[in-house]
């Protein structure tokens, strides 16, 4: 008889565990809300993420002279090293 009961419980396990998990989750969330209180309202920003990023980039470059750029010849130390330095000119 016990084997029939365990077979039935095993086959109906999702139908039993889902309501139990749902009730436990609901009680836990209500208890957490009761203990912590309602969260403060987050400030709503009208701008999108891309607009905020563009605004930040504009603030970073404000006041900089964009015509002063490092020469590519000066950037050679950041170039990947060629095999045995054959293709890399020597710096003087």
Protein backbone atom coordinates (compact mmCIF):
# COMPACT_ATOMS: atom_id res chain seq x y z
CA UNK A 1 0.00 0.00 0.00
CA UNK A 2 2.84 2.40 0.86
CA UNK A 3 4.39 1.91 -2.56
CA UNK A 4 1.14 3.09 -4.21
CA UNK A 5 1.04 6.16 -1.95
CA UNK A 6 4.68 7.05 -2.67
CA UNK A 7 4.16 6.54 -6.42
CA UNK A 8 1.17 8.89 -6.31
CA UNK A 9 3.08 11.49 -4.29
CA UNK A 10 6.05 11.19 -6.64
CA UNK A 11 3.93 11.70 -9.75
CA UNK A 12 1.96 14.60 -8.25
CA UNK A 13 4.96 16.35 -6.65
CA UNK A 14 4.87 19.47 -8.90
CA UNK A 15 1.17 19.95 -8.13
CA UNK A 16 1.90 19.75 -4.42
CA UNK A 17 5.15 21.73 -4.18
CA UNK A 18 4.11 24.70 -6.34
CA UNK A 19 1.25 25.87 -4.09
CA UNK A 20 3.38 25.29 -0.99
CA UNK A 21 6.28 27.30 -2.47
CA UNK A 22 3.88 30.02 -3.60
CA UNK A 23 2.39 30.39 -0.10
CA UNK A 24 5.84 30.37 1.55
CA UNK A 25 7.08 33.04 -0.89
CA UNK A 26 4.00 35.20 -0.41
CA UNK A 27 4.22 35.00 3.38
CA UNK A 28 7.97 35.73 3.28
CA UNK A 29 7.60 38.76 1.04
CA UNK A 30 4.78 40.18 3.16
CA UNK A 31 6.82 39.60 6.31
CA UNK A 32 9.87 41.30 4.78
CA UNK A 33 7.75 44.28 3.68
CA UNK A 34 6.29 44.49 7.17
CA UNK A 35 9.72 44.41 8.86
CA UNK A 36 11.56 46.73 6.43
CA UNK A 37 8.71 49.07 5.65
CA UNK A 38 7.89 50.40 2.22
CA UNK A 39 10.96 51.29 0.15
CA UNK A 40 11.48 54.99 -0.58
CA UNK A 41 10.37 56.08 -3.99
CA UNK A 42 13.24 56.23 -6.45
CA UNK A 43 13.74 59.57 -8.18
CA UNK A 44 12.47 59.38 -11.72
CA UNK A 45 14.89 60.60 -14.36
CA UNK A 46 13.40 61.67 -17.67
CA UNK A 47 16.60 61.10 -19.66
CA UNK A 48 17.56 57.77 -21.15
CA UNK A 49 20.83 56.00 -20.40
CA UNK A 50 22.34 57.02 -23.74
CA UNK A 51 21.41 60.66 -23.11
CA UNK A 52 22.98 60.54 -19.66
CA UNK A 53 26.15 59.01 -21.15
CA UNK A 54 26.37 61.70 -23.83
CA UNK A 55 25.86 64.42 -21.22
CA UNK A 56 28.66 62.98 -19.07
CA UNK A 57 31.02 62.75 -22.05
CA UNK A 58 30.28 66.36 -22.98
CA UNK A 59 31.06 67.47 -19.43
CA UNK A 60 34.36 65.54 -19.51
CA UNK A 61 35.59 67.20 -22.70
CA UNK A 62 34.44 70.71 -21.82
CA UNK A 63 37.42 73.04 -21.71
CA UNK A 64 39.80 70.64 -23.46
CA UNK A 65 41.48 71.59 -26.71
CA UNK A 66 40.38 68.88 -29.12
CA UNK A 67 42.96 69.89 -31.73
CA UNK A 68 45.87 68.67 -29.59
CA UNK A 69 46.20 65.00 -30.42
CA UNK A 70 49.14 62.72 -29.67
CA UNK A 71 51.05 61.78 -32.80
CA UNK A 72 50.92 58.18 -33.92
CA UNK A 73 54.72 58.12 -33.97
CA UNK A 74 54.71 58.86 -30.25
CA UNK A 75 52.25 56.05 -29.62
CA UNK A 76 54.64 53.33 -30.86
CA UNK A 77 55.26 51.99 -27.37
CA UNK A 78 51.60 50.95 -27.21
CA UNK A 79 51.72 49.14 -30.56
CA UNK A 80 51.96 45.36 -30.41
CA UNK A 81 55.49 44.08 -30.71
CA UNK A 82 56.38 42.48 -34.02
CA UNK A 83 58.21 39.18 -34.09
CA UNK A 84 61.86 39.85 -33.17
CA UNK A 85 61.20 43.61 -33.56
CA UNK A 86 61.86 43.39 -37.30
CA UNK A 87 59.09 45.78 -38.36
CA UNK A 88 59.49 48.28 -35.56
CA UNK A 89 61.73 51.30 -36.22
CA UNK A 90 64.18 52.22 -33.50
CA UNK A 91 63.36 55.30 -31.46
CA UNK A 92 66.10 57.86 -31.27
